[in-house]
Protein backbone atom coordinates (compact mmCIF):
# COMPACT_ATOMS: atom_id res chain seq x y z
CA MET A 1 -0.08 -0.23 -0.31
CA PRO A 2 1.33 3.81 -0.71
CA SER A 3 1.85 6.00 1.89
CA PRO A 4 -0.83 8.23 2.83
CA THR A 5 -0.89 11.45 0.70
CA ALA A 6 0.87 14.69 1.59
CA ILE A 7 -0.71 17.40 2.13
CA LEU A 8 1.06 20.80 1.62
CA PHE A 9 -0.94 24.59 2.62
CA ASP A 10 -0.54 27.76 1.81
CA LEU A 11 -1.67 29.77 4.93
CA ASP A 12 -3.22 33.20 4.94
CA GLY A 13 -6.73 33.27 2.99
CA THR A 14 -6.74 28.90 3.53
CA LEU A 15 -6.00 27.97 7.00
CA VAL A 16 -6.94 31.73 8.83
CA ASP A 17 -8.39 34.56 7.51
CA THR A 18 -6.32 37.66 8.22
CA ILE A 19 -7.15 39.41 5.15
CA ASP A 20 -8.48 42.33 6.99
CA LEU A 21 -5.46 42.45 8.92
CA LEU A 22 -3.19 42.38 6.06
CA VAL A 23 -4.99 45.12 4.13
CA GLN A 24 -5.40 47.15 7.28
CA SER A 25 -1.31 46.92 7.94
CA MET A 26 -0.70 47.64 4.00
CA GLU A 27 -3.67 51.19 4.76
CA PHE A 28 -1.42 52.26 7.96
CA ALA A 29 1.65 51.69 6.43
CA PHE A 30 0.65 54.24 3.14
CA GLU A 31 -1.02 56.45 5.63
CA HIS A 32 1.41 59.48 4.76
CA PHE A 33 2.65 58.58 2.25
CA ASP A 34 2.77 61.16 -0.88
CA GLY A 35 3.62 58.16 -3.73
CA ARG A 36 0.56 56.38 -5.11
CA ARG A 37 -0.67 53.47 -2.65
CA PRO A 38 -1.90 50.17 -3.73
CA THR A 39 -5.60 49.94 -4.34
CA ARG A 40 -7.26 47.27 -1.98
CA ASP A 41 -8.09 44.81 -5.15
CA GLU A 42 -4.18 45.34 -5.95
CA TRP A 43 -3.24 44.55 -2.75
CA VAL A 44 -5.21 41.40 -2.20
CA TYR A 45 -4.18 40.63 -5.33
CA GLY A 46 -0.68 40.66 -4.81
CA ILE A 47 -1.57 38.15 -1.08
CA GLY A 48 0.18 34.99 -1.36
CA THR A 49 3.79 36.57 -2.15
CA THR A 50 6.04 38.14 -0.21
CA LEU A 51 5.58 41.36 1.97
CA ARG A 52 8.60 42.98 -0.16
CA THR A 53 7.25 42.04 -3.18
CA GLN A 54 3.64 43.35 -2.87
CA LEU A 55 5.33 46.73 -1.79
CA GLN A 56 8.22 47.18 -4.17
CA PRO A 57 6.38 48.60 -7.13
CA PHE A 58 5.29 51.32 -4.82
CA THR A 59 8.40 52.49 -3.50
CA ARG A 60 10.78 54.61 -5.29
CA SER A 61 13.97 53.49 -3.30
CA PRO A 62 15.20 50.24 -1.09
CA ASP A 63 15.53 53.12 1.98
CA GLU A 64 11.59 53.62 1.00
CA LEU A 65 10.75 50.27 0.90
CA GLU A 66 12.55 49.29 4.01
CA ALA A 67 10.50 52.21 5.97
CA ILE A 68 7.19 51.09 4.73
CA VAL A 69 7.95 47.56 5.47
CA ALA A 70 8.68 48.48 9.29
CA ARG A 71 5.28 50.63 9.59
CA TYR A 72 3.55 47.85 8.07
CA ARG A 73 4.72 45.52 10.62
CA VAL A 74 3.95 48.10 13.40
CA TYR A 75 -0.03 47.43 12.51
CA GLN A 76 0.23 44.13 11.79
CA LEU A 77 2.22 42.26 15.08
CA GLU A 78 -0.08 44.87 17.25
CA HIS A 79 -3.24 43.75 15.79
CA HIS A 80 -1.96 40.19 15.01
CA ASP A 81 -4.03 37.96 17.82
CA ARG A 82 -6.99 39.92 17.26
CA MET A 83 -7.63 39.59 13.63
CA THR A 84 -6.16 36.05 12.74
CA THR A 85 -8.82 33.48 12.97
CA PRO A 86 -9.24 29.94 11.71
CA TYR A 87 -11.70 29.35 8.79
CA PRO A 88 -14.81 27.48 10.20
CA GLY A 89 -13.88 23.91 9.71
CA VAL A 90 -10.44 23.91 9.08
CA THR A 91 -9.37 22.45 12.89
CA GLU A 92 -11.76 19.67 12.24
CA VAL A 93 -9.77 18.98 9.05
CA LEU A 94 -6.21 19.41 9.91
CA THR A 95 -7.46 16.70 13.16
CA GLU A 96 -8.70 14.43 10.60
CA LEU A 97 -5.84 14.51 8.41
CA LYS A 98 -3.33 13.95 11.08
CA ALA A 99 -4.84 11.02 12.64
CA ALA A 100 -5.28 9.59 9.04
CA GLY A 101 -1.02 9.77 8.80
CA HIS A 102 -1.21 12.29 6.27
CA PRO A 103 2.41 13.97 6.49
CA MET A 104 1.54 18.10 6.16
CA ALA A 105 3.34 20.47 5.71
CA LEU A 106 2.93 24.81 5.70
CA VAL A 107 4.24 26.59 2.56
CA THR A 108 3.53 30.39 2.90
CA SER A 109 5.43 33.69 1.66
CA LYS A 110 5.29 34.93 5.34
CA GLY A 111 8.49 34.78 7.45
CA HIS A 112 9.15 31.63 9.25
CA ALA A 113 8.82 33.32 12.25
CA LEU A 114 5.94 35.00 11.62
CA ALA A 115 4.29 31.76 10.16
CA MET A 116 5.39 29.66 13.30
CA ARG A 117 3.56 32.73 15.43
CA VAL A 118 0.57 32.37 13.35
CA ILE A 119 0.46 28.46 13.90
CA GLY A 120 0.85 28.67 17.69
CA HIS A 121 -1.48 31.62 18.14
CA VAL A 122 -4.54 29.29 16.56
CA ASP A 123 -3.08 25.75 17.53
CA TYR A 124 -2.01 24.20 14.73
CA THR A 125 1.64 23.75 15.28
CA ARG A 126 0.71 20.39 16.06
CA PHE A 127 -0.39 19.41 12.57
CA PHE A 128 2.79 20.31 10.74
CA ASP A 129 6.04 18.52 10.01
CA VAL A 130 7.56 21.01 8.09
CA VAL A 131 7.10 24.34 7.65
CA VAL A 132 8.36 26.87 4.41
CA GLY A 133 8.46 30.65 5.04
CA GLY A 134 8.91 32.79 2.28
CA ASP A 135 12.51 33.50 3.84
CA SER A 136 13.30 29.86 3.65
CA ILE A 137 14.50 29.67 0.33
CA ALA A 138 16.27 32.04 -2.43
CA ASN A 139 12.74 31.85 -4.48
CA PRO A 140 9.68 32.16 -2.96
CA LYS A 141 6.11 31.75 -4.56
CA PRO A 142 5.06 31.28 -7.37
CA ALA A 143 8.24 29.70 -8.13
CA PRO A 144 8.40 26.09 -7.45
CA ASP A 145 10.81 26.06 -4.94
CA PRO A 146 8.98 26.24 -1.72
CA VAL A 147 7.08 23.35 -2.53
CA LEU A 148 10.27 21.32 -4.06
CA LYS A 149 11.40 22.23 -0.29
CA ALA A 150 8.54 21.12 1.47
CA ILE A 151 8.18 17.88 -0.26
CA THR A 152 11.65 16.93 -0.06
CA ASP A 153 11.82 17.74 4.06
CA LEU A 154 8.84 15.28 3.95
CA GLY A 155 10.31 12.90 2.19
CA VAL A 156 7.80 12.23 -1.01
CA GLY A 157 7.74 12.67 -4.46
CA PRO A 158 5.84 14.91 -6.00
CA ASP A 159 3.35 12.31 -7.12
CA ARG A 160 2.47 11.68 -3.74
CA ALA A 161 1.58 15.13 -2.68
CA ILE A 162 -1.41 17.91 -3.07
CA PHE A 163 -1.06 21.76 -2.21
CA VAL A 164 -4.15 23.76 -0.73
CA GLY A 165 -3.98 27.26 -1.82
CA ASP A 166 -6.36 30.09 -1.77
CA SER A 167 -4.53 32.27 -4.69
CA PRO A 168 -3.51 31.86 -8.14
CA HIS A 169 0.38 32.49 -6.60
CA ASP A 170 -0.02 29.16 -4.58
CA ILE A 171 -1.80 27.38 -7.57
CA ASN A 172 1.04 28.38 -10.17
CA SER A 173 4.03 27.25 -7.77
CA GLY A 174 2.17 23.88 -7.02
CA ASN A 175 1.97 23.25 -10.42
CA ALA A 176 5.25 24.15 -11.55
CA ALA A 177 6.76 21.70 -8.85
CA GLY A 178 4.31 18.90 -10.41
CA VAL A 179 2.25 18.36 -7.55
CA ALA A 180 -1.58 18.48 -7.57
CA THR A 181 -3.26 21.39 -6.81
CA ALA A 182 -6.16 22.25 -4.68
CA ALA A 183 -7.69 25.45 -5.24
CA CYS A 184 -9.95 27.06 -2.03
CA LEU A 185 -12.77 28.94 -2.71
CA TRP A 186 -13.57 30.60 0.83
CA GLY A 187 -10.58 33.18 0.19
CA PRO A 188 -10.28 36.35 -1.00
CA PHE A 189 -10.26 35.43 -5.03
CA THR A 190 -12.61 34.55 -6.78
CA ARG A 191 -12.93 31.22 -8.98
CA ALA A 192 -11.98 33.43 -12.43
CA GLN A 193 -9.08 34.33 -11.07
CA LEU A 194 -8.02 31.11 -9.69
CA ALA A 195 -9.23 29.25 -12.96
CA THR A 196 -6.27 31.25 -14.85
CA ALA A 197 -3.47 28.85 -13.10
CA SER A 198 -5.45 25.58 -14.10
CA PRO A 199 -5.84 24.00 -10.27
CA THR A 200 -6.31 20.31 -10.38
CA HIS A 201 -9.21 20.48 -7.49
CA TRP A 202 -11.66 22.71 -6.16
CA LEU A 203 -12.88 23.07 -3.21
CA ASP A 204 -16.19 24.89 -2.24
CA ASP A 205 -15.00 23.85 1.64
CA ILE A 206 -12.45 22.80 3.71
CA HIS A 207 -14.23 19.12 4.16
CA ASP A 208 -13.61 18.58 0.38
CA LEU A 209 -10.13 17.97 0.96
CA LEU A 210 -10.67 14.88 2.52
CA PRO A 211 -11.81 12.24 -0.09
CA ILE A 212 -9.21 13.81 -2.57
CA ALA A 213 -6.52 12.98 0.35
CA GLN A 214 -7.73 9.68 0.55
CA ALA A 215 -7.55 8.93 -3.16
CA ARG A 216 -4.40 9.54 -5.82
CA PRO A 217 -3.64 12.84 -6.26
CA ARG A 218 -3.44 12.69 -9.53
CA GLN A 219 -7.00 12.54 -10.48
CA THR A 220 -8.54 14.40 -13.67
CA LEU A 221 -10.33 17.50 -13.48
């Protein structure tokens, strides 16, 4: 019998609802900025990439970029716990997957330390064998590198792994790494936006993942 399929998860917009926190942190960071600021839609579309990747098009120098990052972090860290909540059903599904022996990894564009704070706050640390942050590899999502590192660290091949995410950046990263992908429809991205990345599976609810995980991941659409 093959070993249980490895399940890789994105974090923001997939396991935890932090979207308002991320948007408000951006608005605070740009409050007194005299250049062009991202709109809410522009900012939300960038979620799933690293913070500096999101900010770079809107800043005019490395020093300005670092100043905006610092202001963003002030708001984000101050309001983090209050504005970070699990999506309904996630704890139940993670518990069931863990009990069934599925190796699990977190693959996020957040820095490793902040990712650990998030999963500690919502009591998810116990579920994950591997955590790959945006600063854990040279090329973060949508490059395949973080997914490849996660499956390498879990000791599985791409044919025995599924990457679950809510953004096109997640799906593109997983597809490029050769793993099956599952697009979540409860995050901030629309089905049309996600369809551009061609996910292997669609999830209307986190519980939809359970039968997919129990089958071989390389199913047809």
